[in-house]
């Protein structure tokens, strides 16, 4: 039981102070947009957390995201609104899978 509790704690470390966001990610030039897997398909511009020792966004940009294929993404982030736009300040990626979507019409 202690082993499971320790594993759960270690898995949640990047999530401290953050929430899990799930959606599909698309690349727009040097920017990444997450379309959340909710009925409203809420869209967020992804930015790295300032205190991230290993920035996430350059790694995702280098992942070869194919525009014609959906890319499923689960990440730990916190919401931020700036100048009327929705942002996710990303601390860690939990899962990335090309060719998978969480949206019903896909």
PDB file of N, CA and C in Angstrom:
ATOM      1  N   UNK A   1       0.823  -1.197   0.000  1.00  0.00           N
ATOM      2  CA  UNK A   1       0.000   0.000   0.000  1.00  0.00           C
ATOM      3  C   UNK A   1       0.871   1.266   0.000  1.00  0.00           C
ATOM      4  N   UNK A   2       1.936   1.237   0.764  1.00  0.00           N
ATOM      5  CA  UNK A   2       2.835   2.391   0.823  1.00  0.00           C
ATOM      6  C   UNK A   2       3.493   2.625  -0.533  1.00  0.00           C
ATOM      7  N   UNK A   3       3.815   1.557  -1.237  1.00  0.00           N
ATOM      8  CA  UNK A   3       4.441   1.666  -2.553  1.00  0.00           C
ATOM      9  C   UNK A   3       3.504   2.371  -3.534  1.00  0.00           C
ATOM     10  N   UNK A   4       2.222   2.032  -3.504  1.00  0.00           N
ATOM     11  CA  UNK A   4       1.239   2.664  -4.390  1.00  0.00           C
ATOM     12  C   UNK A   4       1.085   4.137  -4.046  1.00  0.00           C
ATOM     13  N   UNK A   5       1.031   4.447  -2.767  1.00  0.00           N
ATOM     14  CA  UNK A   5       0.902   5.843  -2.345  1.00  0.00           C
ATOM     15  C   UNK A   5       2.113   6.654  -2.784  1.00  0.00           C
ATOM     16  N   UNK A   6       3.308   6.076  -2.671  1.00  0.00           N
ATOM     17  CA  UNK A   6       4.525   6.765  -3.092  1.00  0.00           C
ATOM     18  C   UNK A   6       4.518   7.005  -4.599  1.00  0.00           C
ATOM     19  N   UNK A   7       4.106   5.981  -5.366  1.00  0.00           N
ATOM     20  CA  UNK A   7       4.027   6.119  -6.817  1.00  0.00           C
ATOM     21  C   UNK A   7       3.037   7.209  -7.214  1.00  0.00           C
ATOM     22  N   UNK A   8       1.877   7.239  -6.576  1.00  0.00           N
ATOM     23  CA  UNK A   8       0.884   8.274  -6.873  1.00  0.00           C
ATOM     24  C   UNK A   8       1.420   9.664  -6.554  1.00  0.00           C
ATOM     25  N   UNK A   9       2.149   9.782  -5.466  1.00  0.00           N
ATOM     26  CA  UNK A   9       2.725  11.077  -5.103  1.00  0.00           C
ATOM     27  C   UNK A   9       3.745  11.519  -6.150  1.00  0.00           C
ATOM     28  N   UNK A  10       4.622  10.608  -6.578  1.00  0.00           N
ATOM     29  CA  UNK A  10       5.631  10.962  -7.576  1.00  0.00           C
ATOM     30  C   UNK A  10       4.999  11.337  -8.906  1.00  0.00           C
ATOM     31  N   UNK A  11       3.930  10.656  -9.299  1.00  0.00           N
ATOM     32  CA  UNK A  11       3.254  10.977 -10.558  1.00  0.00           C
ATOM     33  C   UNK A  11       2.572  12.338 -10.496  1.00  0.00           C
ATOM     34  N   UNK A  12       2.211  12.772  -9.309  1.00  0.00           N
ATOM     35  CA  UNK A  12       1.481  14.032  -9.198  1.00  0.00           C
ATOM     36  C   UNK A  12       2.397  15.225  -8.959  1.00  0.00           C
ATOM     37  N   UNK A  13       3.699  15.022  -8.794  1.00  0.00           N
ATOM     38  CA  UNK A  13       4.592  16.138  -8.505  1.00  0.00           C
ATOM     39  C   UNK A  13       4.524  17.260  -9.531  1.00  0.00           C
ATOM     40  N   UNK A  14       4.531  16.988 -10.860  1.00  0.00           N
ATOM     41  CA  UNK A  14       4.440  18.103 -11.794  1.00  0.00           C
ATOM     42  C   UNK A  14       3.102  18.821 -11.716  1.00  0.00           C
ATOM     43  N   UNK A  15       2.120  18.188 -11.122  1.00  0.00           N
ATOM     44  CA  UNK A  15       0.787  18.747 -11.101  1.00  0.00           C
ATOM     45  C   UNK A  15       0.531  19.649  -9.897  1.00  0.00           C
ATOM     46  N   UNK A  16       1.492  19.783  -8.996  1.00  0.00           N
ATOM     47  CA  UNK A  16       1.269  20.597  -7.821  1.00  0.00           C
ATOM     48  C   UNK A  16       0.898  22.021  -8.233  1.00  0.00           C
ATOM     49  N   UNK A  17      -0.283  22.463  -7.825  1.00  0.00           N
ATOM     50  CA  UNK A  17      -0.756  23.789  -8.189  1.00  0.00           C
ATOM     51  C   UNK A  17      -1.299  23.881  -9.599  1.00  0.00           C
ATOM     52  N   UNK A  18      -1.380  22.779 -10.303  1.00  0.00           N
ATOM     53  CA  UNK A  18      -1.839  22.753 -11.683  1.00  0.00           C
ATOM     54  C   UNK A  18      -3.019  21.809 -11.830  1.00  0.00           C
ATOM     55  N   UNK A  19      -3.641  21.858 -12.980  1.00  0.00           N
ATOM     56  CA  UNK A  19      -4.729  20.953 -13.321  1.00  0.00           C
ATOM     57  C   UNK A  19      -4.317  20.136 -14.531  1.00  0.00           C
ATOM     58  N   UNK A  20      -5.006  19.032 -14.749  1.00  0.00           N
ATOM     59  CA  UNK A  20      -4.782  18.218 -15.930  1.00  0.00           C
ATOM     60  C   UNK A  20      -5.723  18.696 -17.027  1.00  0.00           C
ATOM     61  N   UNK A  21      -5.173  19.036 -18.179  1.00  0.00           N
ATOM     62  CA  UNK A  21      -5.949  19.461 -19.343  1.00  0.00           C
ATOM     63  C   UNK A  21      -5.741  18.432 -20.445  1.00  0.00           C
ATOM     64  N   UNK A  22      -6.826  18.027 -21.081  1.00  0.00           N
ATOM     65  CA  UNK A  22      -6.776  17.025 -22.137  1.00  0.00           C
ATOM     66  C   UNK A  22      -7.425  17.597 -23.387  1.00  0.00           C
ATOM     67  N   UNK A  23      -6.777  17.387 -24.532  1.00  0.00           N
ATOM     68  CA  UNK A  23      -7.333  17.879 -25.780  1.00  0.00           C
ATOM     69  C   UNK A  23      -6.463  17.481 -26.951  1.00  0.00           C
ATOM     70  N   UNK A  24      -6.675  18.153 -28.069  1.00  0.00           N
ATOM     71  CA  UNK A  24      -5.814  17.963 -29.234  1.00  0.00           C
ATOM     72  C   UNK A  24      -5.013  19.242 -29.441  1.00  0.00           C
ATOM     73  N   UNK A  25      -3.788  19.063 -29.865  1.00  0.00           N
ATOM     74  CA  UNK A  25      -2.897  20.200 -30.036  1.00  0.00           C
ATOM     75  C   UNK A  25      -2.645  20.415 -31.527  1.00  0.00           C
ATOM     76  N   UNK A  26      -2.634  21.684 -31.918  1.00  0.00           N
ATOM     77  CA  UNK A  26      -2.309  22.050 -33.294  1.00  0.00           C
ATOM     78  C   UNK A  26      -1.227  23.123 -33.262  1.00  0.00           C
ATOM     79  N   UNK A  27      -0.416  23.109 -34.303  1.00  0.00           N
ATOM     80  CA  UNK A  27       0.676  24.072 -34.407  1.00  0.00           C
ATOM     81  C   UNK A  27       0.252  25.185 -35.356  1.00  0.00           C
ATOM     82  N   UNK A  28       0.510  26.417 -34.937  1.00  0.00           N
ATOM     83  CA  UNK A  28       0.264  27.603 -35.757  1.00  0.00           C
ATOM     84  C   UNK A  28       1.553  28.416 -35.760  1.00  0.00           C
ATOM     85  N   UNK A  29       2.424  28.117 -36.713  1.00  0.00           N
ATOM     86  CA  UNK A  29       3.742  28.759 -36.732  1.00  0.00           C
ATOM     87  C   UNK A  29       4.569  28.282 -35.559  1.00  0.00           C
ATOM     88  N   UNK A  30       4.943  29.209 -34.686  1.00  0.00           N
ATOM     89  CA  UNK A  30       5.716  28.844 -33.501  1.00  0.00           C
ATOM     90  C   UNK A  30       4.837  28.754 -32.255  1.00  0.00           C
ATOM     91  N   UNK A  31       3.524  28.783 -32.454  1.00  0.00           N
ATOM     92  CA  UNK A  31       2.593  28.696 -31.330  1.00  0.00           C
ATOM     93  C   UNK A  31       1.845  27.369 -31.373  1.00  0.00           C
ATOM     94  N   UNK A  32       1.483  26.901 -30.173  1.00  0.00           N
ATOM     95  CA  UNK A  32       0.691  25.688 -30.041  1.00  0.00           C
ATOM     96  C   UNK A  32      -0.639  26.032 -29.393  1.00  0.00           C
ATOM     97  N   UNK A  33      -1.706  25.438 -29.914  1.00  0.00           N
ATOM     98  CA  UNK A  33      -3.054  25.672 -29.384  1.00  0.00           C
ATOM     99  C   UNK A  33      -3.646  24.331 -28.986  1.00  0.00           C
ATOM    100  N   UNK A  34      -4.138  24.266 -27.763  1.00  0.00           N
ATOM    101  CA  UNK A  34      -4.835  23.077 -27.282  1.00  0.00           C
ATOM    102  C   UNK A  34      -6.329  23.314 -27.409  1.00  0.00           C
ATOM    103  N   UNK A  35      -7.024  22.403 -28.099  1.00  0.00           N
ATOM    104  CA  UNK A  35      -8.478  22.423 -28.170  1.00  0.00           C
ATOM    105  C   UNK A  35      -8.950  21.372 -27.176  1.00  0.00           C
ATOM    106  N   UNK A  36      -9.535  21.848 -26.099  1.00  0.00           N
ATOM    107  CA  UNK A  36      -9.897  20.966 -24.985  1.00  0.00           C
ATOM    108  C   UNK A  36     -11.008  19.998 -25.382  1.00  0.00           C
ATOM    109  N   UNK A  37     -10.967  18.837 -24.779  1.00  0.00           N
ATOM    110  CA  UNK A  37     -11.973  17.800 -25.019  1.00  0.00           C
ATOM    111  C   UNK A  37     -13.187  18.053 -24.131  1.00  0.00           C
ATOM    112  N   UNK A  38     -13.867  19.133 -24.431  1.00  0.00           N
ATOM    113  CA  UNK A  38     -15.123  19.441 -23.738  1.00  0.00           C
ATOM    114  C   UNK A  38     -16.152  19.832 -24.795  1.00  0.00           C
ATOM    115  N   UNK A  39     -17.386  19.949 -24.398  1.00  0.00           N
ATOM    116  CA  UNK A  39     -18.459  20.236 -25.352  1.00  0.00           C
ATOM    117  C   UNK A  39     -18.232  21.556 -26.086  1.00  0.00           C
ATOM    118  N   UNK A  40     -17.614  22.522 -25.421  1.00  0.00           N
ATOM    119  CA  UNK A  40     -17.384  23.837 -26.030  1.00  0.00           C
ATOM    120  C   UNK A  40     -16.127  23.872 -26.897  1.00  0.00           C
ATOM    121  N   UNK A  41     -15.299  22.834 -26.834  1.00  0.00           N
ATOM    122  CA  UNK A  41     -14.013  22.802 -27.543  1.00  0.00           C
ATOM    123  C   UNK A  41     -13.209  24.080 -27.268  1.00  0.00           C
ATOM    124  N   UNK A  42     -13.068  24.376 -26.007  1.00  0.00           N
ATOM    125  CA  UNK A  42     -12.340  25.565 -25.571  1.00  0.00           C
ATOM    126  C   UNK A  42     -10.903  25.506 -26.075  1.00  0.00           C
ATOM    127  N   UNK A  43     -10.422  26.651 -26.583  1.00  0.00           N
ATOM    128  CA  UNK A  43      -9.072  26.725 -27.152  1.00  0.00           C
ATOM    129  C   UNK A  43      -8.177  27.565 -26.246  1.00  0.00           C
ATOM    130  N   UNK A  44      -6.956  27.065 -26.055  1.00  0.00           N
ATOM    131  CA  UNK A  44      -5.974  27.733 -25.208  1.00  0.00           C
ATOM    132  C   UNK A  44      -4.647  27.827 -25.947  1.00  0.00           C
ATOM    133  N   UNK A  45      -4.002  28.971 -25.853  1.00  0.00           N
ATOM    134  CA  UNK A  45      -2.646  29.120 -26.343  1.00  0.00           C
ATOM    135  C   UNK A  45      -1.717  28.575 -25.262  1.00  0.00           C
ATOM    136  N   UNK A  46      -0.764  27.715 -25.641  1.00  0.00           N
ATOM    137  CA  UNK A  46       0.141  27.107 -24.672  1.00  0.00           C
ATOM    138  C   UNK A  46       1.402  27.936 -24.528  1.00  0.00           C
ATOM    139  N   UNK A  47       1.813  28.172 -23.274  1.00  0.00           N
ATOM    140  CA  UNK A  47       3.066  28.863 -22.968  1.00  0.00           C
ATOM    141  C   UNK A  47       3.754  28.093 -21.839  1.00  0.00           C
ATOM    142  N   UNK A  48       5.079  28.184 -21.801  1.00  0.00           N
ATOM    143  CA  UNK A  48       5.832  27.522 -20.749  1.00  0.00           C
ATOM    144  C   UNK A  48       5.743  28.288 -19.443  1.00  0.00           C
ATOM    145  N   UNK A  49       5.763  27.547 -18.358  1.00  0.00           N
ATOM    146  CA  UNK A  49       5.855  28.162 -17.042  1.00  0.00           C
ATOM    147  C   UNK A  49       7.240  28.803 -16.920  1.00  0.00           C
ATOM    148  N   UNK A  50       7.303  29.973 -16.322  1.00  0.00           N
ATOM    149  CA  UNK A  50       8.566  30.709 -16.217  1.00  0.00           C
ATOM    150  C   UNK A  50       9.612  29.938 -15.410  1.00  0.00           C
ATOM    151  N   UNK A  51       9.173  29.146 -14.441  1.00  0.00           N
ATOM    152  CA  UNK A  51      10.110  28.429 -13.584  1.00  0.00           C
ATOM    153  C   UNK A  51      10.420  27.016 -14.080  1.00  0.00           C
ATOM    154  N   UNK A  52      10.022  26.693 -15.303  1.00  0.00           N
ATOM    155  CA  UNK A  52      10.279  25.371 -15.871  1.00  0.00           C
ATOM    156  C   UNK A  52      11.752  25.215 -16.216  1.00  0.00           C
ATOM    157  N   UNK A  53      12.423  24.251 -15.596  1.00  0.00           N
ATOM    158  CA  UNK A  53      13.841  24.010 -15.902  1.00  0.00           C
ATOM    159  C   UNK A  53      14.004  23.407 -17.294  1.00  0.00           C
ATOM    160  N   UNK A  54      13.025  22.600 -17.708  1.00  0.00           N
ATOM    161  CA  UNK A  54      13.035  22.008 -19.040  1.00  0.00           C
ATOM    162  C   UNK A  54      11.782  22.480 -19.764  1.00  0.00           C
ATOM    163  N   UNK A  55      11.887  23.540 -20.565  1.00  0.00           N
ATOM    164  CA  UNK A  55      10.708  24.066 -21.255  1.00  0.00           C
ATOM    165  C   UNK A  55      10.008  23.001 -22.094  1.00  0.00           C
ATOM    166  N   UNK A  56       8.694  23.012 -22.051  1.00  0.00           N
ATOM    167  CA  UNK A  56       7.872  22.014 -22.725  1.00  0.00           C
ATOM    168  C   UNK A  56       7.589  22.400 -24.177  1.00  0.00           C
ATOM    169  N   UNK A  57       7.325  23.664 -24.429  1.00  0.00           N
ATOM    170  CA  UNK A  57       6.883  24.110 -25.751  1.00  0.00           C
ATOM    171  C   UNK A  57       7.917  23.802 -26.840  1.00  0.00           C
ATOM    172  N   UNK A  58       9.218  24.092 -26.662  1.00  0.00           N
ATOM    173  CA  UNK A  58      10.177  23.741 -27.718  1.00  0.00           C
ATOM    174  C   UNK A  58      10.202  22.236 -28.005  1.00  0.00           C
ATOM    175  N   UNK A  59      10.030  21.416 -26.989  1.00  0.00           N
ATOM    176  CA  UNK A  59       9.999  19.969 -27.178  1.00  0.00           C
ATOM    177  C   UNK A  59       8.785  19.562 -28.006  1.00  0.00           C
ATOM    178  N   UNK A  60       7.638  20.154 -27.707  1.00  0.00           N
ATOM    179  CA  UNK A  60       6.431  19.854 -28.481  1.00  0.00           C
ATOM    180  C   UNK A  60       6.556  20.348 -29.920  1.00  0.00           C
ATOM    181  N   UNK A  61       7.152  21.520 -30.110  1.00  0.00           N
ATOM    182  CA  UNK A  61       7.335  22.050 -31.463  1.00  0.00           C
ATOM    183  C   UNK A  61       8.262  21.157 -32.275  1.00  0.00           C
ATOM    184  N   UNK A  62       9.211  20.521 -31.611  1.00  0.00           N
ATOM    185  CA  UNK A  62      10.137  19.630 -32.288  1.00  0.00           C
ATOM    186  C   UNK A  62       9.627  18.207 -32.442  1.00  0.00           C
ATOM    187  N   UNK A  63       8.397  17.953 -31.986  1.00  0.00           N
ATOM    188  CA  UNK A  63       7.848  16.598 -32.023  1.00  0.00           C
ATOM    189  C   UNK A  63       7.299  16.219 -33.390  1.00  0.00           C
ATOM    190  N   UNK A  64       7.347  17.119 -34.353  1.00  0.00           N
ATOM    191  CA  UNK A  64       6.872  16.808 -35.702  1.00  0.00           C
ATOM    192  C   UNK A  64       5.371  16.629 -35.777  1.00  0.00           C
ATOM    193  N   UNK A  65       4.627  17.553 -35.184  1.00  0.00           N
ATOM    194  CA  UNK A  65       3.165  17.469 -35.214  1.00  0.00           C
ATOM    195  C   UNK A  65       2.670  17.600 -36.646  1.00  0.00           C
ATOM    196  N   UNK A  66       1.925  16.621 -37.093  1.00  0.00           N
ATOM    197  CA  UNK A  66       1.401  16.614 -38.460  1.00  0.00           C
ATOM    198  C   UNK A  66       0.068  17.353 -38.498  1.00  0.00           C
ATOM    199  N   UNK A  67      -0.048  18.407 -39.315  1.00  0.00           N
ATOM    200  CA  UNK A  67      -1.284  19.193 -39.336  1.00  0.00           C
ATOM    201  C   UNK A  67      -2.495  18.399 -39.803  1.00  0.00           C
ATOM    202  N   UNK A  68      -2.312  17.382 -40.630  1.00  0.00           N
ATOM    203  CA  UNK A  68      -3.438  16.621 -41.148  1.00  0.00           C
ATOM    204  C   UNK A  68      -3.882  15.501 -40.195  1.00  0.00           C
ATOM    205  N   UNK A  69      -3.111  15.231 -39.148  1.00  0.00           N
ATOM    206  CA  UNK A  69      -3.454  14.182 -38.187  1.00  0.00           C
ATOM    207  C   UNK A  69      -3.705  14.805 -36.821  1.00  0.00           C
ATOM    208  N   UNK A  70      -4.753  14.383 -36.123  1.00  0.00           N
ATOM    209  CA  UNK A  70      -4.971  14.906 -34.771  1.00  0.00           C
ATOM    210  C   UNK A  70      -3.868  14.417 -33.833  1.00  0.00           C
ATOM    211  N   UNK A  71      -3.522  15.227 -32.862  1.00  0.00           N
ATOM    212  CA  UNK A  71      -2.536  14.848 -31.857  1.00  0.00           C
ATOM    213  C   UNK A  71      -3.149  15.057 -30.485  1.00  0.00           C
ATOM    214  N   UNK A  72      -3.320  13.963 -29.759  1.00  0.00           N
ATOM    215  CA  UNK A  72      -3.901  13.962 -28.423  1.00  0.00           C
ATOM    216  C   UNK A  72      -2.823  14.393 -27.436  1.00  0.00           C
ATOM    217  N   UNK A  73      -3.209  15.255 -26.499  1.00  0.00           N
ATOM    218  CA  UNK A  73      -2.251  15.774 -25.528  1.00  0.00           C
ATOM    219  C   UNK A  73      -2.909  15.879 -24.166  1.00  0.00           C
ATOM    220  N   UNK A  74      -2.237  15.357 -23.165  1.00  0.00           N
ATOM    221  CA  UNK A  74      -2.644  15.533 -21.772  1.00  0.00           C
ATOM    222  C   UNK A  74      -1.485  16.235 -21.079  1.00  0.00           C
ATOM    223  N   UNK A  75      -1.763  17.345 -20.417  1.00  0.00           N
ATOM    224  CA  UNK A  75      -0.697  18.114 -19.789  1.00  0.00           C
ATOM    225  C   UNK A  75      -1.142  18.721 -18.473  1.00  0.00           C
ATOM    226  N   UNK A  76      -0.144  19.034 -17.651  1.00  0.00           N
ATOM    227  CA  UNK A  76      -0.384  19.734 -16.395  1.00  0.00           C
ATOM    228  C   UNK A  76      -0.124  21.213 -16.637  1.00  0.00           C
ATOM    229  N   UNK A  77      -1.095  22.035 -16.285  1.00  0.00           N
ATOM    230  CA  UNK A  77      -0.968  23.472 -16.532  1.00  0.00           C
ATOM    231  C   UNK A  77      -1.898  24.238 -15.602  1.00  0.00           C
ATOM    232  N   UNK A  78      -1.722  25.534 -15.614  1.00  0.00           N
ATOM    233  CA  UNK A  78      -2.662  26.408 -14.904  1.00  0.00           C
ATOM    234  C   UNK A  78      -3.212  27.408 -15.912  1.00  0.00           C
ATOM    235  N   UNK A  79      -4.466  27.750 -15.715  1.00  0.00           N
ATOM    236  CA  UNK A  79      -5.155  28.664 -16.614  1.00  0.00           C
ATOM    237  C   UNK A  79      -4.730  30.095 -16.338  1.00  0.00           C
ATOM    238  N   UNK A  80      -4.643  30.885 -17.389  1.00  0.00           N
ATOM    239  CA  UNK A  80      -4.358  32.306 -17.267  1.00  0.00           C
ATOM    240  C   UNK A  80      -5.086  33.037 -18.393  1.00  0.00           C
ATOM    241  N   UNK A  81      -5.619  34.192 -18.103  1.00  0.00           N
ATOM    242  CA  UNK A  81      -6.275  35.021 -19.119  1.00  0.00           C
ATOM    243  C   UNK A  81      -5.456  36.298 -19.272  1.00  0.00           C
ATOM    244  N   UNK A  82      -5.091  36.591 -20.524  1.00  0.00           N
ATOM    245  CA  UNK A  82      -4.305  37.791 -20.810  1.00  0.00           C
ATOM    246  C   UNK A  82      -4.935  38.498 -21.999  1.00  0.00           C
ATOM    247  N   UNK A  83      -5.234  39.753 -21.826  1.00  0.00           N
ATOM    248  CA  UNK A  83      -5.770  40.591 -22.895  1.00  0.00           C
ATOM    249  C   UNK A  83      -6.906  39.894 -23.651  1.00  0.00           C
ATOM    250  N   UNK A  84      -7.817  39.282 -22.912  1.00  0.00           N
ATOM    251  CA  UNK A  84      -8.986  38.659 -23.507  1.00  0.00           C
ATOM    252  C   UNK A  84      -8.740  37.320 -24.175  1.00  0.00           C
ATOM    253  N   UNK A  85      -7.578  36.732 -23.967  1.00  0.00           N
ATOM    254  CA  UNK A  85      -7.255  35.440 -24.579  1.00  0.00           C
ATOM    255  C   UNK A  85      -6.977  34.410 -23.497  1.00  0.00           C
ATOM    256  N   UNK A  86      -7.345  33.151 -23.767  1.00  0.00           N
ATOM    257  CA  UNK A  86      -7.150  32.057 -22.815  1.00  0.00           C
ATOM    258  C   UNK A  86      -5.799  31.388 -23.038  1.00  0.00           C
ATOM    259  N   UNK A  87      -5.040  31.243 -21.954  1.00  0.00           N
ATOM    260  CA  UNK A  87      -3.722  30.627 -21.992  1.00  0.00           C
ATOM    261  C   UNK A  87      -3.661  29.458 -21.020  1.00  0.00           C
ATOM    262  N   UNK A  88      -2.795  28.499 -21.321  1.00  0.00           N
ATOM    263  CA  UNK A  88      -2.408  27.483 -20.365  1.00  0.00           C
ATOM    264  C   UNK A  88      -0.914  27.609 -20.150  1.00  0.00           C
ATOM    265  N   UNK A  89      -0.526  27.802 -18.891  1.00  0.00           N
ATOM    266  CA  UNK A  89       0.880  27.891 -18.527  1.00  0.00           C
ATOM    267  C   UNK A  89       1.309  26.467 -18.167  1.00  0.00           C
ATOM    268  N   UNK A  90       2.059  25.852 -19.054  1.00  0.00           N
ATOM    269  CA  UNK A  90       2.355  24.418 -18.994  1.00  0.00           C
ATOM    270  C   UNK A  90       3.556  24.126 -18.108  1.00  0.00           C
ATOM    271  N   UNK A  91       3.374  23.137 -17.209  1.00  0.00           N
ATOM    272  CA  UNK A  91       4.501  22.706 -16.377  1.00  0.00           C
ATOM    273  C   UNK A  91       5.033  21.344 -16.800  1.00  0.00           C
ATOM    274  N   UNK A  92       4.170  20.465 -17.355  1.00  0.00           N
ATOM    275  CA  UNK A  92       4.634  19.133 -17.758  1.00  0.00           C
ATOM    276  C   UNK A  92       3.634  18.486 -18.705  1.00  0.00           C
ATOM    277  N   UNK A  93       4.141  17.609 -19.567  1.00  0.00           N
ATOM    278  CA  UNK A  93       3.293  16.821 -20.458  1.00  0.00           C
ATOM    279  C   UNK A  93       3.135  15.436 -19.849  1.00  0.00           C
ATOM    280  N   UNK A  94       1.906  14.982 -19.759  1.00  0.00           N
ATOM    281  CA  UNK A  94       1.637  13.648 -19.232  1.00  0.00           C
ATOM    282  C   UNK A  94       1.596  12.621 -20.362  1.00  0.00           C
ATOM    283  N   UNK A  95       0.984  12.979 -21.498  1.00  0.00           N
ATOM    284  CA  UNK A  95       0.836  12.019 -22.592  1.00  0.00           C
ATOM    285  C   UNK A  95       0.684  12.757 -23.913  1.00  0.00           C
ATOM    286  N   UNK A  96       1.332  12.241 -24.951  1.00  0.00           N
ATOM    287  CA  UNK A  96       1.228  12.776 -26.308  1.00  0.00           C
ATOM    288  C   UNK A  96       1.073  11.583 -27.243  1.00  0.00           C
ATOM    289  N   UNK A  97       0.045  11.632 -28.109  1.00  0.00           N
ATOM    290  CA  UNK A  97      -0.182  10.522 -29.029  1.00  0.00           C
ATOM    291  C   UNK A  97      -0.705  11.046 -30.363  1.00  0.00           C
ATOM    292  N   UNK A  98       0.111  10.913 -31.404  1.00  0.00           N
ATOM    293  CA  UNK A  98      -0.308  11.366 -32.724  1.00  0.00           C
ATOM    294  C   UNK A  98      -1.288  10.369 -33.326  1.00  0.00           C
ATOM    295  N   UNK A  99      -2.234  10.886 -34.098  1.00  0.00           N
ATOM    296  CA  UNK A  99      -3.237  10.051 -34.747  1.00  0.00           C
ATOM    297  C   UNK A  99      -4.413   9.705 -33.857  1.00  0.00           C
ATOM    298  N   UNK A 100      -4.502  10.326 -32.687  1.00  0.00           N
ATOM    299  CA  UNK A 100      -5.615  10.069 -31.769  1.00  0.00           C
ATOM    300  C   UNK A 100      -6.321  11.383 -31.460  1.00  0.00           C
ATOM    301  N   UNK A 101      -7.640  11.308 -31.385  1.00  0.00           N
ATOM    302  CA  UNK A 101      -8.431  12.486 -31.032  1.00  0.00           C
ATOM    303  C   UNK A 101      -9.406  12.112 -29.925  1.00  0.00           C
ATOM    304  N   UNK A 102      -9.814  13.096 -29.167  1.00  0.00           N
ATOM    305  CA  UNK A 102     -10.796  12.881 -28.115  1.00  0.00           C
ATOM    306  C   UNK A 102     -12.116  13.569 -28.452  1.00  0.00           C
ATOM    307  N   UNK A 103     -12.204  14.151 -29.640  1.00  0.00           N
ATOM    308  CA  UNK A 103     -13.406  14.853 -30.056  1.00  0.00           C
ATOM    309  C   UNK A 103     -14.317  13.883 -30.809  1.00  0.00           C
ATOM    310  N   UNK A 104     -15.591  13.905 -30.514  1.00  0.00           N
ATOM    311  CA  UNK A 104     -16.540  12.954 -31.102  1.00  0.00           C
ATOM    312  C   UNK A 104     -16.600  12.995 -32.638  1.00  0.00           C
ATOM    313  N   UNK A 105     -16.644  14.157 -33.284  1.00  0.00           N
ATOM    314  CA  UNK A 105     -16.729  14.162 -34.759  1.00  0.00           C
ATOM    315  C   UNK A 105     -15.497  13.585 -35.449  1.00  0.00           C
ATOM    316  N   UNK A 106     -14.352  13.534 -34.762  1.00  0.00           N
ATOM    317  CA  UNK A 106     -13.124  13.017 -35.382  1.00  0.00           C
ATOM    318  C   UNK A 106     -13.232  11.543 -35.457  1.00  0.00           C
TER     319      UNK A 106
END
